[in-house]
């Protein structure tokens, strides 16, 4: 899944780009992508196939303008969102969560796009899949 940065280097202390992280996720699926680019700013990029493949699975999305920004560094919120999507761990809304969960003072705004992914990643819990849905509803918090 991870092949390094070329020239025999892994660069373990370097930040990771959105393209590199999407590539790791896309390698879980394998194969190639056929079709038009899913984002206007990836044509000719070394990770073009991987980005398209990860987008086709629904694991990644673009920014508000529809661009992917492949060479930008991925944020912690973007990383946990992608990981949650790969693992199919997606609460539908704030009512899918439970009281008493771990929260962070900088993640209390339930209207932010990253609120649910961060809560999902930060809390160990049991859950039930919502019928005919990709979403889950938490049933019990696990001890921390």
N, C-alpha and C. Protein backbone atom coordinates (compact mmCIF):
# COMPACT_ATOMS: atom_id res chain seq x y z
N UNK A 1 0.81 -1.21 0.00
CA UNK A 1 0.00 0.00 0.00
C UNK A 1 0.84 1.26 0.00
N UNK A 2 2.00 1.21 0.65
CA UNK A 2 2.87 2.38 0.74
C UNK A 2 4.18 2.03 0.06
N UNK A 3 4.57 2.84 -0.91
CA UNK A 3 5.77 2.53 -1.68
C UNK A 3 6.89 3.54 -1.50
N UNK A 4 6.68 4.56 -0.71
CA UNK A 4 7.71 5.57 -0.53
C UNK A 4 7.57 6.70 -1.53
N UNK A 5 8.58 7.57 -1.54
CA UNK A 5 8.50 8.77 -2.37
C UNK A 5 9.39 8.71 -3.60
N UNK A 6 10.01 7.62 -3.87
CA UNK A 6 10.91 7.55 -5.02
C UNK A 6 12.36 7.68 -4.58
N UNK A 7 13.26 7.36 -5.48
CA UNK A 7 14.70 7.40 -5.20
C UNK A 7 15.06 6.55 -3.98
N UNK A 8 14.25 5.55 -3.70
CA UNK A 8 14.52 4.66 -2.58
C UNK A 8 14.20 5.25 -1.22
N UNK A 9 13.57 6.41 -1.17
CA UNK A 9 13.27 7.09 0.10
C UNK A 9 11.84 6.85 0.54
N UNK A 10 11.67 6.74 1.83
CA UNK A 10 10.33 6.64 2.42
C UNK A 10 9.88 7.98 3.00
N UNK A 11 10.79 8.78 3.53
CA UNK A 11 10.51 10.09 4.13
C UNK A 11 9.55 9.98 5.31
N UNK A 12 9.91 9.23 6.36
CA UNK A 12 8.99 8.97 7.46
C UNK A 12 8.57 10.20 8.25
N UNK A 13 9.32 11.27 8.22
CA UNK A 13 8.96 12.46 8.97
C UNK A 13 8.31 13.55 8.12
N UNK A 14 8.09 13.27 6.86
CA UNK A 14 7.49 14.26 5.96
C UNK A 14 5.97 14.27 6.11
N UNK A 15 5.35 15.42 5.96
CA UNK A 15 3.88 15.44 5.94
C UNK A 15 3.39 14.69 4.70
N UNK A 16 2.15 14.27 4.71
CA UNK A 16 1.60 13.51 3.60
C UNK A 16 0.61 14.38 2.82
N UNK A 17 0.66 14.26 1.50
CA UNK A 17 -0.24 15.05 0.67
C UNK A 17 -1.58 14.33 0.50
N UNK A 18 -2.54 15.09 0.04
CA UNK A 18 -3.87 14.52 -0.23
C UNK A 18 -3.75 13.43 -1.30
N UNK A 19 -2.90 13.64 -2.30
CA UNK A 19 -2.69 12.64 -3.35
C UNK A 19 -2.08 11.37 -2.79
N UNK A 20 -1.09 11.51 -1.92
CA UNK A 20 -0.44 10.33 -1.34
C UNK A 20 -1.42 9.53 -0.49
N UNK A 21 -2.23 10.23 0.30
CA UNK A 21 -3.18 9.53 1.18
C UNK A 21 -4.28 8.86 0.36
N UNK A 22 -4.75 9.55 -0.68
CA UNK A 22 -5.75 8.96 -1.56
C UNK A 22 -5.19 7.73 -2.28
N UNK A 23 -3.92 7.78 -2.61
CA UNK A 23 -3.27 6.64 -3.28
C UNK A 23 -3.23 5.42 -2.37
N UNK A 24 -2.89 5.62 -1.12
CA UNK A 24 -2.88 4.50 -0.17
C UNK A 24 -4.27 3.87 -0.09
N UNK A 25 -5.30 4.70 0.02
CA UNK A 25 -6.67 4.19 0.09
C UNK A 25 -7.06 3.46 -1.19
N UNK A 26 -6.73 4.05 -2.34
CA UNK A 26 -7.10 3.45 -3.62
C UNK A 26 -6.42 2.10 -3.83
N UNK A 27 -5.23 1.93 -3.30
CA UNK A 27 -4.54 0.65 -3.44
C UNK A 27 -5.25 -0.46 -2.69
N UNK A 28 -6.09 -0.11 -1.72
CA UNK A 28 -6.92 -1.13 -1.05
C UNK A 28 -7.93 -1.72 -2.02
N UNK A 29 -8.40 -0.90 -2.94
CA UNK A 29 -9.38 -1.34 -3.95
C UNK A 29 -8.67 -2.07 -5.08
N UNK A 30 -7.55 -1.50 -5.52
CA UNK A 30 -6.83 -2.07 -6.65
C UNK A 30 -7.50 -1.73 -7.96
N UNK A 31 -6.85 -2.05 -9.04
CA UNK A 31 -7.42 -1.83 -10.36
C UNK A 31 -7.10 -0.45 -10.89
N UNK A 32 -7.76 -0.12 -11.97
CA UNK A 32 -7.56 1.17 -12.61
C UNK A 32 -8.91 1.85 -12.79
N UNK A 33 -8.86 3.11 -13.06
CA UNK A 33 -10.06 3.91 -13.26
C UNK A 33 -10.25 4.18 -14.74
N UNK A 34 -11.46 4.01 -15.20
CA UNK A 34 -11.82 4.33 -16.59
C UNK A 34 -12.85 5.43 -16.54
N UNK A 35 -12.63 6.48 -17.28
CA UNK A 35 -13.60 7.55 -17.34
C UNK A 35 -12.95 8.92 -17.20
N UNK A 36 -13.82 9.93 -17.17
CA UNK A 36 -13.35 11.31 -17.05
C UNK A 36 -12.82 11.56 -15.64
N UNK A 37 -11.92 12.51 -15.54
CA UNK A 37 -11.40 12.88 -14.22
C UNK A 37 -12.52 13.37 -13.32
N UNK A 38 -12.44 12.99 -12.06
CA UNK A 38 -13.45 13.37 -11.08
C UNK A 38 -13.22 14.78 -10.54
N UNK A 39 -12.04 15.34 -10.78
CA UNK A 39 -11.69 16.67 -10.30
C UNK A 39 -10.96 17.42 -11.41
N UNK A 40 -11.15 18.74 -11.52
CA UNK A 40 -10.53 19.49 -12.62
C UNK A 40 -9.03 19.74 -12.46
N UNK A 41 -8.47 19.48 -11.30
CA UNK A 41 -7.07 19.84 -11.06
C UNK A 41 -6.14 18.63 -10.91
N UNK A 42 -6.52 17.48 -11.47
CA UNK A 42 -5.66 16.30 -11.34
C UNK A 42 -5.12 15.77 -12.67
N UNK A 43 -5.52 16.35 -13.78
CA UNK A 43 -5.08 15.88 -15.08
C UNK A 43 -3.55 15.92 -15.17
N UNK A 44 -2.94 14.79 -15.47
CA UNK A 44 -1.49 14.69 -15.60
C UNK A 44 -0.75 14.50 -14.29
N UNK A 45 -1.46 14.51 -13.18
CA UNK A 45 -0.82 14.31 -11.88
C UNK A 45 -0.40 12.85 -11.76
N UNK A 46 0.72 12.58 -11.09
CA UNK A 46 1.20 11.19 -10.96
C UNK A 46 0.17 10.29 -10.30
N UNK A 47 -0.71 10.84 -9.44
CA UNK A 47 -1.70 10.03 -8.72
C UNK A 47 -3.09 10.11 -9.34
N UNK A 48 -3.19 10.59 -10.55
CA UNK A 48 -4.49 10.80 -11.21
C UNK A 48 -5.39 9.56 -11.15
N UNK A 49 -4.87 8.40 -11.52
CA UNK A 49 -5.66 7.17 -11.50
C UNK A 49 -6.13 6.84 -10.09
N UNK A 50 -5.22 6.94 -9.12
CA UNK A 50 -5.57 6.62 -7.74
C UNK A 50 -6.61 7.59 -7.17
N UNK A 51 -6.45 8.87 -7.47
CA UNK A 51 -7.41 9.86 -6.98
C UNK A 51 -8.79 9.59 -7.56
N UNK A 52 -8.85 9.33 -8.86
CA UNK A 52 -10.13 9.01 -9.49
C UNK A 52 -10.75 7.74 -8.90
N UNK A 53 -9.93 6.74 -8.66
CA UNK A 53 -10.41 5.48 -8.10
C UNK A 53 -10.96 5.67 -6.69
N UNK A 54 -10.25 6.43 -5.86
CA UNK A 54 -10.72 6.70 -4.49
C UNK A 54 -11.99 7.54 -4.52
N UNK A 55 -12.10 8.45 -5.46
CA UNK A 55 -13.32 9.27 -5.58
C UNK A 55 -14.49 8.43 -6.05
N UNK A 56 -14.24 7.51 -6.97
CA UNK A 56 -15.31 6.64 -7.47
C UNK A 56 -15.91 5.80 -6.34
N UNK A 57 -15.09 5.39 -5.38
CA UNK A 57 -15.59 4.59 -4.26
C UNK A 57 -16.38 5.43 -3.26
N UNK A 58 -16.24 6.77 -3.36
CA UNK A 58 -16.91 7.66 -2.43
C UNK A 58 -16.06 7.98 -1.21
N UNK A 59 -14.80 7.59 -1.24
CA UNK A 59 -13.93 7.79 -0.08
C UNK A 59 -13.37 9.19 0.01
N UNK A 60 -13.24 9.88 -1.12
CA UNK A 60 -12.72 11.25 -1.10
C UNK A 60 -13.66 12.16 -1.86
N UNK A 61 -13.57 13.43 -1.52
CA UNK A 61 -14.36 14.46 -2.19
C UNK A 61 -13.46 15.66 -2.41
N UNK A 62 -13.93 16.56 -3.23
CA UNK A 62 -13.20 17.79 -3.46
C UNK A 62 -13.57 18.86 -2.45
N UNK A 63 -12.95 20.02 -2.62
CA UNK A 63 -13.26 21.14 -1.75
C UNK A 63 -14.53 21.83 -2.24
N UNK A 64 -14.86 22.96 -1.67
CA UNK A 64 -16.10 23.67 -2.02
C UNK A 64 -16.13 24.08 -3.49
N UNK A 65 -14.96 24.26 -4.10
CA UNK A 65 -14.91 24.65 -5.52
C UNK A 65 -14.88 23.43 -6.45
N UNK A 66 -14.88 22.23 -5.88
CA UNK A 66 -14.83 21.01 -6.69
C UNK A 66 -13.44 20.52 -7.01
N UNK A 67 -12.42 21.23 -6.53
CA UNK A 67 -11.04 20.82 -6.78
C UNK A 67 -10.58 19.83 -5.71
N UNK A 68 -9.57 19.03 -6.07
CA UNK A 68 -9.03 18.07 -5.12
C UNK A 68 -7.80 18.59 -4.38
N UNK A 69 -7.03 19.46 -4.99
CA UNK A 69 -5.80 19.99 -4.39
C UNK A 69 -4.83 18.85 -4.04
N UNK A 70 -4.39 18.08 -5.02
CA UNK A 70 -3.62 16.86 -4.75
C UNK A 70 -2.30 17.08 -4.01
N UNK A 71 -1.68 18.22 -4.19
CA UNK A 71 -0.38 18.44 -3.55
C UNK A 71 -0.46 19.20 -2.24
N UNK A 72 -1.68 19.49 -1.78
CA UNK A 72 -1.85 20.09 -0.45
C UNK A 72 -1.70 19.00 0.59
N UNK A 73 -1.24 19.39 1.77
CA UNK A 73 -1.14 18.41 2.86
C UNK A 73 -2.54 18.11 3.38
N UNK A 74 -2.77 16.88 3.76
CA UNK A 74 -4.07 16.48 4.28
C UNK A 74 -4.16 16.90 5.76
N UNK A 75 -5.33 17.36 6.15
CA UNK A 75 -5.53 17.74 7.55
C UNK A 75 -5.93 16.51 8.36
N UNK A 76 -5.85 16.65 9.66
CA UNK A 76 -6.28 15.54 10.53
C UNK A 76 -7.75 15.21 10.31
N UNK A 77 -8.57 16.24 10.13
CA UNK A 77 -10.00 16.02 9.89
C UNK A 77 -10.23 15.29 8.57
N UNK A 78 -9.50 15.68 7.53
CA UNK A 78 -9.64 15.00 6.23
C UNK A 78 -9.18 13.55 6.33
N UNK A 79 -8.10 13.31 7.08
CA UNK A 79 -7.57 11.95 7.23
C UNK A 79 -8.57 11.04 7.93
N UNK A 80 -9.13 11.49 9.06
CA UNK A 80 -10.08 10.61 9.77
C UNK A 80 -11.35 10.41 8.95
N UNK A 81 -11.74 11.41 8.17
CA UNK A 81 -12.92 11.26 7.31
C UNK A 81 -12.68 10.16 6.29
N UNK A 82 -11.52 10.18 5.65
CA UNK A 82 -11.21 9.16 4.66
C UNK A 82 -11.12 7.78 5.30
N UNK A 83 -10.47 7.68 6.44
CA UNK A 83 -10.35 6.39 7.14
C UNK A 83 -11.74 5.87 7.53
N UNK A 84 -12.58 6.73 8.06
CA UNK A 84 -13.94 6.32 8.43
C UNK A 84 -14.71 5.80 7.22
N UNK A 85 -14.57 6.47 6.09
CA UNK A 85 -15.27 6.03 4.88
C UNK A 85 -14.75 4.68 4.41
N UNK A 86 -13.44 4.50 4.44
CA UNK A 86 -12.86 3.21 4.05
C UNK A 86 -13.39 2.09 4.95
N UNK A 87 -13.47 2.36 6.25
CA UNK A 87 -13.93 1.35 7.21
C UNK A 87 -15.45 1.27 7.32
N UNK A 88 -16.14 2.11 6.56
CA UNK A 88 -17.60 2.18 6.61
C UNK A 88 -18.11 2.45 8.03
N UNK A 89 -17.49 3.41 8.67
CA UNK A 89 -17.86 3.84 10.01
C UNK A 89 -18.38 5.27 9.90
N UNK A 90 -19.68 5.40 9.67
CA UNK A 90 -20.27 6.69 9.37
C UNK A 90 -21.54 6.93 10.17
N UNK A 91 -21.48 7.73 11.21
CA UNK A 91 -22.73 8.11 11.87
C UNK A 91 -23.51 9.03 10.93
N UNK A 92 -24.83 8.88 10.93
CA UNK A 92 -25.65 9.66 9.99
C UNK A 92 -25.77 11.12 10.41
N UNK A 93 -25.93 11.35 11.70
CA UNK A 93 -26.09 12.72 12.20
C UNK A 93 -25.76 12.71 13.70
N UNK A 94 -25.85 13.88 14.34
CA UNK A 94 -25.47 13.96 15.75
C UNK A 94 -26.36 13.11 16.63
N UNK A 95 -27.58 12.81 16.19
CA UNK A 95 -28.47 11.95 16.96
C UNK A 95 -28.04 10.48 16.93
N UNK A 96 -27.10 10.15 16.05
CA UNK A 96 -26.56 8.78 15.98
C UNK A 96 -25.50 8.53 17.04
N UNK A 97 -25.06 9.59 17.72
CA UNK A 97 -24.01 9.49 18.75
C UNK A 97 -24.64 9.29 20.12
N UNK A 98 -23.81 9.18 21.15
CA UNK A 98 -24.30 8.97 22.51
C UNK A 98 -23.77 10.02 23.47
N UNK A 99 -24.57 10.36 24.48
CA UNK A 99 -24.06 11.27 25.53
C UNK A 99 -22.92 10.58 26.27
N UNK A 100 -22.03 11.39 26.80
CA UNK A 100 -20.90 10.85 27.56
C UNK A 100 -19.69 10.55 26.71
N UNK A 101 -19.77 10.80 25.40
CA UNK A 101 -18.64 10.52 24.52
C UNK A 101 -17.53 11.53 24.75
N UNK A 102 -16.34 11.15 24.34
CA UNK A 102 -15.19 12.05 24.39
C UNK A 102 -15.44 13.17 23.39
N UNK A 103 -15.21 14.40 23.82
CA UNK A 103 -15.32 15.55 22.92
C UNK A 103 -14.05 16.39 23.04
N UNK A 104 -13.90 17.29 22.11
CA UNK A 104 -12.77 18.19 22.09
C UNK A 104 -13.30 19.62 22.05
N UNK A 105 -12.67 20.54 22.78
CA UNK A 105 -13.19 21.91 22.80
C UNK A 105 -13.18 22.59 21.44
N UNK A 106 -12.35 22.11 20.52
CA UNK A 106 -12.33 22.70 19.17
C UNK A 106 -13.12 21.88 18.16
N UNK A 107 -13.96 20.97 18.66
CA UNK A 107 -14.85 20.20 17.79
C UNK A 107 -16.23 20.08 18.44
N UNK A 108 -16.80 21.19 18.82
CA UNK A 108 -18.12 21.18 19.44
C UNK A 108 -19.22 21.70 18.52
N UNK A 109 -18.84 22.28 17.39
CA UNK A 109 -19.81 22.82 16.45
C UNK A 109 -20.33 21.69 15.57
N UNK A 110 -21.55 21.23 15.87
CA UNK A 110 -22.12 20.07 15.15
C UNK A 110 -22.44 20.39 13.70
N UNK A 111 -22.36 21.64 13.31
CA UNK A 111 -22.61 22.02 11.92
C UNK A 111 -21.39 21.94 11.03
N UNK A 112 -20.22 21.76 11.60
CA UNK A 112 -19.00 21.65 10.79
C UNK A 112 -18.95 20.30 10.09
N UNK A 113 -18.40 20.28 8.88
CA UNK A 113 -18.36 19.05 8.09
C UNK A 113 -17.56 17.97 8.79
N UNK A 114 -16.62 18.33 9.64
CA UNK A 114 -15.73 17.35 10.27
C UNK A 114 -16.19 16.90 11.65
N UNK A 115 -17.28 17.45 12.17
CA UNK A 115 -17.74 17.10 13.51
C UNK A 115 -17.96 15.58 13.65
N UNK A 116 -18.79 15.01 12.82
CA UNK A 116 -19.11 13.57 12.93
C UNK A 116 -17.89 12.67 12.69
N UNK A 117 -17.09 12.92 11.65
CA UNK A 117 -15.91 12.05 11.46
C UNK A 117 -14.95 12.05 12.64
N UNK A 118 -14.75 13.22 13.26
CA UNK A 118 -13.84 13.27 14.41
C UNK A 118 -14.42 12.52 15.59
N UNK A 119 -15.71 12.70 15.84
CA UNK A 119 -16.35 11.98 16.94
C UNK A 119 -16.29 10.47 16.71
N UNK A 120 -16.50 10.05 15.49
CA UNK A 120 -16.43 8.63 15.14
C UNK A 120 -15.04 8.07 15.43
N UNK A 121 -14.02 8.81 15.04
CA UNK A 121 -12.65 8.33 15.19
C UNK A 121 -12.16 8.38 16.63
N UNK A 122 -12.74 9.26 17.45
CA UNK A 122 -12.24 9.48 18.80
C UNK A 122 -12.93 8.64 19.87
N UNK A 123 -13.99 7.95 19.52
CA UNK A 123 -14.78 7.22 20.51
C UNK A 123 -14.94 5.76 20.13
N UNK A 124 -14.51 4.87 21.00
CA UNK A 124 -14.74 3.44 20.80
C UNK A 124 -16.19 3.16 21.19
N UNK A 125 -16.88 2.40 20.34
CA UNK A 125 -18.30 2.18 20.59
C UNK A 125 -18.81 0.98 19.82
N UNK A 126 -19.92 0.45 20.33
CA UNK A 126 -20.68 -0.53 19.58
C UNK A 126 -21.69 0.25 18.75
N UNK A 127 -22.19 -0.37 17.70
CA UNK A 127 -23.13 0.33 16.84
C UNK A 127 -24.03 -0.67 16.12
N UNK A 128 -25.12 -0.13 15.60
CA UNK A 128 -26.00 -0.89 14.71
C UNK A 128 -26.02 -0.18 13.37
N UNK A 129 -26.00 -0.95 12.31
CA UNK A 129 -26.12 -0.37 10.98
C UNK A 129 -27.59 0.04 10.81
N UNK A 130 -27.82 1.26 10.33
CA UNK A 130 -29.17 1.71 10.06
C UNK A 130 -29.67 0.95 8.84
N UNK A 131 -30.86 0.39 8.93
CA UNK A 131 -31.42 -0.47 7.88
C UNK A 131 -31.29 0.16 6.50
N UNK A 132 -30.81 -0.64 5.55
CA UNK A 132 -30.64 -0.22 4.16
C UNK A 132 -29.83 1.07 4.02
N UNK A 133 -28.79 1.19 4.81
CA UNK A 133 -28.02 2.42 4.83
C UNK A 133 -26.54 2.12 5.01
N UNK A 134 -25.73 3.09 4.66
CA UNK A 134 -24.29 3.00 4.93
C UNK A 134 -23.97 3.57 6.30
N UNK A 135 -24.97 4.13 6.97
CA UNK A 135 -24.76 4.81 8.24
C UNK A 135 -24.96 3.90 9.44
N UNK A 136 -24.43 4.34 10.57
CA UNK A 136 -24.54 3.60 11.81
C UNK A 136 -25.13 4.47 12.91
N UNK A 137 -25.69 3.81 13.90
CA UNK A 137 -26.17 4.47 15.12
C UNK A 137 -25.46 3.81 16.28
N UNK A 138 -24.84 4.63 17.13
CA UNK A 138 -24.09 4.10 18.27
C UNK A 138 -25.06 3.49 19.27
N UNK A 139 -24.66 2.35 19.86
CA UNK A 139 -25.50 1.69 20.85
C UNK A 139 -24.86 1.67 22.24
N UNK A 140 -23.53 1.73 22.30
CA UNK A 140 -22.87 1.68 23.62
C UNK A 140 -21.46 2.22 23.47
N UNK A 141 -21.08 3.09 24.38
CA UNK A 141 -19.69 3.57 24.43
C UNK A 141 -18.84 2.53 25.13
N UNK A 142 -17.64 2.30 24.64
CA UNK A 142 -16.70 1.39 25.28
C UNK A 142 -15.87 2.16 26.30
N UNK A 143 -15.38 1.46 27.28
CA UNK A 143 -14.52 2.10 28.29
C UNK A 143 -13.27 2.63 27.64
N UNK A 144 -12.84 3.78 28.09
CA UNK A 144 -11.61 4.38 27.55
C UNK A 144 -10.42 3.94 28.33
